[in-house]
Amino acid sequence: MNPEQRNCRACGAMTGLLLSGFFAACGGDDPVSPAPPPPPPTTTTLSGAITQSMELHPDLTYHIQGTTIVEAGATLTIPAGTLLLGDVNFTGSALIVRQGGRLVARGTAQEPIAFTSSNPEGSRRRGDWGRGRPQRPFELQLPLG
């Protein structure tokens, strides 16, 4: 074998080694990171009959859609800082507590519970939604002091 052929073979061998190292580094051996989980929801809906006790979460905004009724034997607990929006796109949106139902509102002066219209600030009007209505007698627990 002449010197030119040896140089060519050496170059070919070096090129092969370099390429095999490149492809090995780019192979599918590395584990693929899973996609990050979706962000938690920031809004949810309250509608229909509430027949079992439930506690709302202050990090969620609640859209009251249509007539929402806390039935006898059920308790709706609303923690401090919770925002509830009467949805103006649903006729008659209201929160009703039936006789024997309970509404436990845990708002504070620093973190009040807000019931308001789903219209943007500045566009809200009295009567945008049906508001909250107790059916007498009902139990409402408010913090003292």
N, C-alpha and C. Protein backbone atom coordinates (compact mmCIF):
# COMPACT_ATOMS: atom_id res chain seq x y z
N MET A 1 0.85 -1.15 0.00
CA MET A 1 0.00 0.00 0.00
C MET A 1 0.91 1.23 0.00
N ASN A 2 0.58 2.16 -0.89
CA ASN A 2 1.42 3.34 -0.99
C ASN A 2 1.02 4.36 0.08
N PRO A 3 1.82 5.37 0.33
CA PRO A 3 1.55 6.33 1.40
C PRO A 3 0.24 7.07 1.20
N GLU A 4 -0.12 7.34 -0.06
CA GLU A 4 -1.39 8.04 -0.29
C GLU A 4 -2.58 7.21 0.14
N GLN A 5 -2.52 5.92 -0.15
CA GLN A 5 -3.62 5.04 0.23
C GLN A 5 -3.71 4.93 1.76
N ARG A 6 -2.53 4.87 2.40
CA ARG A 6 -2.55 4.80 3.85
C ARG A 6 -3.17 6.06 4.46
N ASN A 7 -2.81 7.24 3.95
CA ASN A 7 -3.38 8.48 4.44
C ASN A 7 -4.89 8.51 4.22
N CYS A 8 -5.33 8.03 3.08
CA CYS A 8 -6.76 8.02 2.77
C CYS A 8 -7.50 7.09 3.72
N ARG A 9 -6.90 5.90 3.95
CA ARG A 9 -7.52 4.97 4.89
C ARG A 9 -7.55 5.56 6.30
N ALA A 10 -6.48 6.23 6.71
CA ALA A 10 -6.42 6.84 8.03
C ALA A 10 -7.48 7.93 8.15
N CYS A 11 -7.63 8.72 7.09
CA CYS A 11 -8.67 9.78 7.11
C CYS A 11 -10.05 9.16 7.19
N GLY A 12 -10.27 8.10 6.43
CA GLY A 12 -11.57 7.42 6.45
C GLY A 12 -11.86 6.84 7.83
N ALA A 13 -10.84 6.25 8.46
CA ALA A 13 -11.03 5.67 9.78
C ALA A 13 -11.32 6.77 10.80
N MET A 14 -10.63 7.89 10.72
CA MET A 14 -10.85 9.00 11.64
C MET A 14 -12.25 9.58 11.43
N THR A 15 -12.63 9.72 10.17
CA THR A 15 -13.97 10.26 9.88
C THR A 15 -15.03 9.32 10.44
N GLY A 16 -14.84 8.02 10.24
CA GLY A 16 -15.79 7.04 10.78
C GLY A 16 -15.89 7.13 12.30
N LEU A 17 -14.75 7.27 12.99
CA LEU A 17 -14.76 7.39 14.44
C LEU A 17 -15.47 8.66 14.88
N LEU A 18 -15.19 9.76 14.21
CA LEU A 18 -15.84 11.02 14.56
C LEU A 18 -17.35 10.94 14.35
N LEU A 19 -17.79 10.38 13.23
CA LEU A 19 -19.22 10.26 12.96
C LEU A 19 -19.90 9.31 13.93
N SER A 20 -19.24 8.21 14.24
CA SER A 20 -19.89 7.27 15.17
C SER A 20 -20.03 7.92 16.55
N GLY A 21 -19.06 8.74 16.96
CA GLY A 21 -19.17 9.45 18.23
C GLY A 21 -20.30 10.47 18.19
N PHE A 22 -20.45 11.14 17.06
CA PHE A 22 -21.52 12.13 16.91
C PHE A 22 -22.89 11.45 17.00
N PHE A 23 -23.07 10.37 16.25
CA PHE A 23 -24.36 9.70 16.26
C PHE A 23 -24.65 9.03 17.60
N ALA A 24 -23.63 8.56 18.28
CA ALA A 24 -23.85 7.97 19.60
C ALA A 24 -24.31 9.05 20.58
N ALA A 25 -23.72 10.25 20.46
CA ALA A 25 -24.12 11.34 21.35
C ALA A 25 -25.53 11.82 21.05
N CYS A 26 -25.97 11.67 19.81
CA CYS A 26 -27.31 12.14 19.43
C CYS A 26 -28.33 11.02 19.46
N GLY A 27 -27.95 9.87 19.93
CA GLY A 27 -28.88 8.73 19.95
C GLY A 27 -30.04 8.95 20.90
N GLY A 28 -31.00 8.06 20.87
CA GLY A 28 -32.20 8.16 21.69
C GLY A 28 -32.04 7.53 23.06
N ASP A 29 -30.80 7.42 23.54
CA ASP A 29 -30.58 6.79 24.83
C ASP A 29 -30.97 7.69 26.00
N ASP A 30 -30.94 9.01 25.80
CA ASP A 30 -31.27 9.93 26.88
C ASP A 30 -32.77 9.91 27.13
N PRO A 31 -33.16 9.85 28.40
CA PRO A 31 -34.60 9.87 28.67
C PRO A 31 -35.19 11.24 28.30
N VAL A 32 -36.37 11.20 27.74
CA VAL A 32 -37.05 12.42 27.35
C VAL A 32 -37.80 12.95 28.56
N SER A 33 -37.62 14.23 28.86
CA SER A 33 -38.33 14.82 29.98
C SER A 33 -39.81 14.89 29.65
N PRO A 34 -40.66 14.50 30.59
CA PRO A 34 -42.10 14.59 30.31
C PRO A 34 -42.52 16.05 30.23
N ALA A 35 -43.59 16.28 29.49
CA ALA A 35 -44.12 17.64 29.37
C ALA A 35 -44.56 18.11 30.75
N PRO A 36 -44.38 19.39 31.02
CA PRO A 36 -44.83 19.88 32.34
C PRO A 36 -46.34 19.77 32.46
N PRO A 37 -46.82 19.58 33.68
CA PRO A 37 -48.27 19.45 33.84
C PRO A 37 -48.94 20.78 33.50
N PRO A 38 -50.20 20.71 33.05
CA PRO A 38 -50.90 21.96 32.74
C PRO A 38 -51.11 22.77 34.01
N PRO A 39 -51.21 24.09 33.87
CA PRO A 39 -51.44 24.89 35.08
C PRO A 39 -52.80 24.56 35.67
N PRO A 40 -52.93 24.69 36.97
CA PRO A 40 -54.23 24.40 37.58
C PRO A 40 -55.26 25.42 37.11
N PRO A 41 -56.53 25.02 37.10
CA PRO A 41 -57.56 25.96 36.65
C PRO A 41 -57.67 27.13 37.61
N THR A 42 -58.12 28.26 37.08
CA THR A 42 -58.30 29.43 37.93
C THR A 42 -59.79 29.76 38.09
N THR A 43 -60.62 29.15 37.27
CA THR A 43 -62.07 29.39 37.38
C THR A 43 -62.80 28.06 37.34
N THR A 44 -63.99 28.06 37.91
CA THR A 44 -64.85 26.89 37.86
C THR A 44 -66.29 27.37 37.96
N THR A 45 -67.23 26.45 37.83
CA THR A 45 -68.64 26.80 37.77
C THR A 45 -69.39 26.24 38.96
N LEU A 46 -70.32 27.02 39.48
CA LEU A 46 -71.30 26.54 40.46
C LEU A 46 -72.65 26.63 39.76
N SER A 47 -73.37 25.52 39.72
CA SER A 47 -74.70 25.55 39.12
C SER A 47 -75.49 24.34 39.60
N GLY A 48 -76.81 24.46 39.49
CA GLY A 48 -77.67 23.35 39.87
C GLY A 48 -77.80 23.19 41.37
N ALA A 49 -78.14 21.98 41.78
CA ALA A 49 -78.39 21.68 43.19
C ALA A 49 -77.11 21.23 43.88
N ILE A 50 -76.85 21.80 45.04
CA ILE A 50 -75.76 21.35 45.90
C ILE A 50 -76.42 20.49 46.97
N THR A 51 -76.26 19.18 46.84
CA THR A 51 -76.96 18.24 47.73
C THR A 51 -76.04 17.64 48.78
N GLN A 52 -74.74 17.81 48.61
CA GLN A 52 -73.77 17.33 49.59
C GLN A 52 -72.90 18.50 50.00
N SER A 53 -72.44 18.46 51.22
CA SER A 53 -71.61 19.55 51.72
C SER A 53 -70.35 19.69 50.88
N MET A 54 -69.98 20.95 50.66
CA MET A 54 -68.76 21.21 49.90
C MET A 54 -68.11 22.50 50.38
N GLU A 55 -66.78 22.56 50.24
CA GLU A 55 -66.04 23.77 50.60
C GLU A 55 -65.38 24.30 49.35
N LEU A 56 -65.55 25.58 49.11
CA LEU A 56 -64.92 26.21 47.96
C LEU A 56 -63.45 26.47 48.26
N HIS A 57 -62.69 26.80 47.23
CA HIS A 57 -61.26 27.05 47.38
C HIS A 57 -60.98 28.51 47.04
N PRO A 58 -60.27 29.24 47.90
CA PRO A 58 -60.08 30.67 47.67
C PRO A 58 -59.23 31.01 46.45
N ASP A 59 -58.49 30.05 45.91
CA ASP A 59 -57.66 30.32 44.74
C ASP A 59 -58.44 30.21 43.43
N LEU A 60 -59.69 29.80 43.51
CA LEU A 60 -60.52 29.69 42.31
C LEU A 60 -61.56 30.81 42.28
N THR A 61 -61.92 31.25 41.09
CA THR A 61 -63.03 32.18 40.90
C THR A 61 -64.22 31.33 40.48
N TYR A 62 -65.35 31.51 41.16
CA TYR A 62 -66.54 30.69 40.91
C TYR A 62 -67.55 31.49 40.10
N HIS A 63 -67.99 30.92 38.99
CA HIS A 63 -69.04 31.52 38.16
C HIS A 63 -70.36 30.83 38.53
N ILE A 64 -71.28 31.60 39.10
CA ILE A 64 -72.60 31.07 39.42
C ILE A 64 -73.43 31.16 38.16
N GLN A 65 -73.75 29.99 37.59
CA GLN A 65 -74.47 29.95 36.31
C GLN A 65 -75.86 29.39 36.53
N GLY A 66 -76.86 30.25 36.34
CA GLY A 66 -78.24 29.84 36.57
C GLY A 66 -78.51 29.77 38.05
N THR A 67 -79.62 29.17 38.40
CA THR A 67 -80.01 29.06 39.80
C THR A 67 -79.20 27.95 40.46
N THR A 68 -78.45 28.31 41.49
CA THR A 68 -77.64 27.36 42.24
C THR A 68 -78.25 27.28 43.64
N ILE A 69 -78.62 26.07 44.05
CA ILE A 69 -79.39 25.89 45.29
C ILE A 69 -78.62 25.00 46.27
N VAL A 70 -78.41 25.53 47.49
CA VAL A 70 -77.87 24.72 48.58
C VAL A 70 -79.09 24.06 49.23
N GLU A 71 -79.23 22.76 49.03
CA GLU A 71 -80.40 22.03 49.49
C GLU A 71 -80.33 21.73 50.98
N ALA A 72 -81.48 21.41 51.57
CA ALA A 72 -81.56 21.03 52.98
C ALA A 72 -80.59 19.89 53.24
N GLY A 73 -79.85 20.00 54.34
CA GLY A 73 -78.89 18.96 54.72
C GLY A 73 -77.50 19.18 54.16
N ALA A 74 -77.34 20.11 53.22
CA ALA A 74 -76.02 20.39 52.63
C ALA A 74 -75.48 21.69 53.21
N THR A 75 -74.16 21.79 53.28
CA THR A 75 -73.48 22.99 53.74
C THR A 75 -72.54 23.46 52.65
N LEU A 76 -72.62 24.73 52.30
CA LEU A 76 -71.66 25.35 51.38
C LEU A 76 -70.76 26.24 52.23
N THR A 77 -69.47 25.91 52.27
CA THR A 77 -68.50 26.67 53.04
C THR A 77 -67.67 27.51 52.08
N ILE A 78 -67.62 28.81 52.36
CA ILE A 78 -66.89 29.74 51.50
C ILE A 78 -65.76 30.35 52.34
N PRO A 79 -64.50 30.02 52.01
CA PRO A 79 -63.39 30.54 52.81
C PRO A 79 -63.08 32.01 52.49
N ALA A 80 -62.32 32.62 53.37
CA ALA A 80 -61.90 34.01 53.20
C ALA A 80 -61.20 34.19 51.85
N GLY A 81 -61.47 35.33 51.21
CA GLY A 81 -60.79 35.67 49.97
C GLY A 81 -61.39 35.06 48.71
N THR A 82 -62.53 34.39 48.81
CA THR A 82 -63.13 33.74 47.65
C THR A 82 -63.93 34.76 46.84
N LEU A 83 -63.84 34.64 45.50
CA LEU A 83 -64.58 35.50 44.58
C LEU A 83 -65.63 34.68 43.87
N LEU A 84 -66.90 35.11 43.96
CA LEU A 84 -68.01 34.44 43.28
C LEU A 84 -68.64 35.45 42.32
N LEU A 85 -68.77 35.06 41.06
CA LEU A 85 -69.33 35.94 40.03
C LEU A 85 -70.66 35.41 39.56
N GLY A 86 -71.71 36.24 39.68
CA GLY A 86 -72.99 35.89 39.10
C GLY A 86 -72.86 36.05 37.59
N ASP A 87 -73.00 34.96 36.85
CA ASP A 87 -72.76 34.98 35.40
C ASP A 87 -73.92 35.65 34.68
N VAL A 88 -73.66 36.81 34.07
CA VAL A 88 -74.70 37.58 33.40
C VAL A 88 -75.17 36.92 32.10
N ASN A 89 -74.46 35.90 31.63
CA ASN A 89 -74.87 35.19 30.41
C ASN A 89 -75.92 34.12 30.69
N PHE A 90 -76.26 33.93 31.95
CA PHE A 90 -77.27 32.95 32.34
C PHE A 90 -78.39 33.68 33.06
N THR A 91 -79.57 33.66 32.49
CA THR A 91 -80.71 34.35 33.08
C THR A 91 -81.01 33.75 34.45
N GLY A 92 -81.20 34.60 35.43
CA GLY A 92 -81.58 34.14 36.75
C GLY A 92 -80.46 33.56 37.57
N SER A 93 -79.22 33.90 37.26
CA SER A 93 -78.11 33.39 38.07
C SER A 93 -78.27 33.88 39.51
N ALA A 94 -78.33 32.95 40.44
CA ALA A 94 -78.54 33.28 41.85
C ALA A 94 -78.05 32.12 42.70
N LEU A 95 -77.69 32.43 43.94
CA LEU A 95 -77.34 31.42 44.94
C LEU A 95 -78.45 31.41 45.97
N ILE A 96 -79.13 30.29 46.09
CA ILE A 96 -80.26 30.15 47.01
C ILE A 96 -79.92 29.10 48.05
N VAL A 97 -80.19 29.42 49.32
CA VAL A 97 -79.99 28.47 50.41
C VAL A 97 -81.37 28.07 50.91
N ARG A 98 -81.73 26.82 50.69
CA ARG A 98 -83.04 26.33 51.12
C ARG A 98 -83.09 26.18 52.64
N GLN A 99 -84.31 26.16 53.17
CA GLN A 99 -84.50 25.89 54.59
C GLN A 99 -83.83 24.57 54.92
N GLY A 100 -83.01 24.57 55.96
CA GLY A 100 -82.27 23.36 56.34
C GLY A 100 -80.90 23.29 55.68
N GLY A 101 -80.64 24.16 54.71
CA GLY A 101 -79.31 24.25 54.11
C GLY A 101 -78.46 25.21 54.92
N ARG A 102 -77.15 25.13 54.73
CA ARG A 102 -76.26 25.99 55.51
C ARG A 102 -75.27 26.68 54.58
N LEU A 103 -75.01 27.94 54.87
CA LEU A 103 -73.97 28.70 54.20
C LEU A 103 -73.00 29.17 55.28
N VAL A 104 -71.77 28.70 55.22
CA VAL A 104 -70.74 29.10 56.17
C VAL A 104 -69.78 30.01 55.42
N ALA A 105 -69.82 31.31 55.75
CA ALA A 105 -68.99 32.31 55.09
C ALA A 105 -67.87 32.70 56.04
N ARG A 106 -66.63 32.46 55.64
CA ARG A 106 -65.49 32.69 56.53
C ARG A 106 -64.65 33.89 56.12
N GLY A 107 -65.27 34.89 55.52
CA GLY A 107 -64.55 36.09 55.12
C GLY A 107 -64.07 36.88 56.32
N THR A 108 -63.06 37.68 56.10
CA THR A 108 -62.52 38.57 57.14
C THR A 108 -62.41 39.97 56.54
N ALA A 109 -62.11 40.95 57.39
CA ALA A 109 -61.92 42.32 56.90
C ALA A 109 -60.73 42.38 55.95
N GLN A 110 -59.70 41.58 56.22
CA GLN A 110 -58.51 41.56 55.38
C GLN A 110 -58.72 40.75 54.11
N GLU A 111 -59.54 39.70 54.18
CA GLU A 111 -59.82 38.83 53.04
C GLU A 111 -61.32 38.60 52.93
N PRO A 112 -62.04 39.58 52.38
CA PRO A 112 -63.49 39.42 52.29
C PRO A 112 -63.89 38.43 51.21
N ILE A 113 -65.08 37.92 51.33
CA ILE A 113 -65.70 37.12 50.28
C ILE A 113 -66.44 38.11 49.39
N ALA A 114 -66.25 38.01 48.09
CA ALA A 114 -66.89 38.95 47.17
C ALA A 114 -67.89 38.22 46.28
N PHE A 115 -69.14 38.68 46.32
CA PHE A 115 -70.19 38.26 45.40
C PHE A 115 -70.41 39.44 44.47
N THR A 116 -70.20 39.27 43.18
CA THR A 116 -70.40 40.38 42.25
C THR A 116 -70.78 39.86 40.87
N SER A 117 -70.94 40.75 39.94
CA SER A 117 -71.33 40.43 38.57
C SER A 117 -70.13 39.92 37.79
N SER A 118 -70.38 39.11 36.76
CA SER A 118 -69.30 38.65 35.90
C SER A 118 -68.91 39.71 34.87
N ASN A 119 -69.66 40.80 34.79
CA ASN A 119 -69.26 41.89 33.91
C ASN A 119 -67.94 42.48 34.40
N PRO A 120 -67.12 43.01 33.49
CA PRO A 120 -65.86 43.62 33.92
C PRO A 120 -66.09 44.82 34.82
N GLU A 121 -65.10 45.11 35.67
CA GLU A 121 -65.20 46.29 36.53
C GLU A 121 -65.45 47.50 35.67
N GLY A 122 -66.31 48.37 36.15
CA GLY A 122 -66.69 49.55 35.39
C GLY A 122 -67.94 49.34 34.56
N SER A 123 -68.29 48.08 34.30
CA SER A 123 -69.49 47.74 33.53
C SER A 123 -70.55 47.06 34.39
N ARG A 124 -70.25 46.84 35.65
CA ARG A 124 -71.18 46.15 36.54
C ARG A 124 -72.31 47.10 36.93
N ARG A 125 -73.53 46.53 36.94
CA ARG A 125 -74.71 47.31 37.32
C ARG A 125 -75.52 46.53 38.33
N ARG A 126 -76.24 47.27 39.16
CA ARG A 126 -77.15 46.64 40.10
C ARG A 126 -78.15 45.81 39.29
N GLY A 127 -78.41 44.59 39.74
CA GLY A 127 -79.35 43.72 39.06
C GLY A 127 -78.74 42.88 37.94
N ASP A 128 -77.39 42.92 37.79
CA ASP A 128 -76.75 42.08 36.76
C ASP A 128 -77.05 40.61 36.98
N TRP A 129 -77.21 40.23 38.22
CA TRP A 129 -77.51 38.83 38.51
C TRP A 129 -78.42 38.78 39.72
N GLY A 130 -78.92 37.60 40.04
CA GLY A 130 -79.96 37.45 41.06
C GLY A 130 -79.50 37.52 42.49
N ARG A 131 -78.19 37.61 42.74
CA ARG A 131 -77.62 37.69 44.09
C ARG A 131 -77.86 36.42 44.90
N GLY A 132 -77.51 36.49 46.17
CA GLY A 132 -77.73 35.37 47.08
C GLY A 132 -79.04 35.57 47.82
N ARG A 133 -79.83 34.50 47.93
CA ARG A 133 -81.13 34.61 48.60
C ARG A 133 -81.34 33.44 49.54
N PRO A 134 -81.47 33.75 50.83
CA PRO A 134 -81.81 32.67 51.76
C PRO A 134 -83.31 32.43 51.76
N GLN A 135 -83.70 31.20 51.97
CA GLN A 135 -85.11 30.88 52.19
C GLN A 135 -85.23 30.61 53.68
N ARG A 136 -85.98 31.39 54.39
CA ARG A 136 -86.07 31.36 55.85
C ARG A 136 -86.63 30.06 56.36
N PRO A 137 -86.27 29.59 57.54
CA PRO A 137 -85.05 29.97 58.24
C PRO A 137 -83.88 29.21 57.65
N PHE A 138 -82.70 29.77 57.73
CA PHE A 138 -81.49 29.09 57.30
C PHE A 138 -80.39 29.47 58.27
N GLU A 139 -79.26 28.78 58.17
CA GLU A 139 -78.17 29.04 59.11
C GLU A 139 -77.03 29.68 58.36
N LEU A 140 -76.56 30.81 58.86
CA LEU A 140 -75.42 31.50 58.30
C LEU A 140 -74.41 31.70 59.42
N GLN A 141 -73.21 31.19 59.23
CA GLN A 141 -72.18 31.33 60.26
C GLN A 141 -71.19 32.38 59.81
N LEU A 142 -71.04 33.43 60.61
CA LEU A 142 -70.08 34.48 60.33
C LEU A 142 -69.09 34.55 61.48
N PRO A 143 -67.82 34.87 61.17
CA PRO A 143 -66.85 34.98 62.26
C PRO A 143 -67.17 36.18 63.13
N LEU A 144 -66.90 36.05 64.40
CA LEU A 144 -67.12 37.15 65.34
C LEU A 144 -65.80 37.82 65.65
N GLY A 145 -65.83 39.14 65.76
CA GLY A 145 -64.65 39.90 66.16
C GLY A 145 -63.69 40.01 65.12
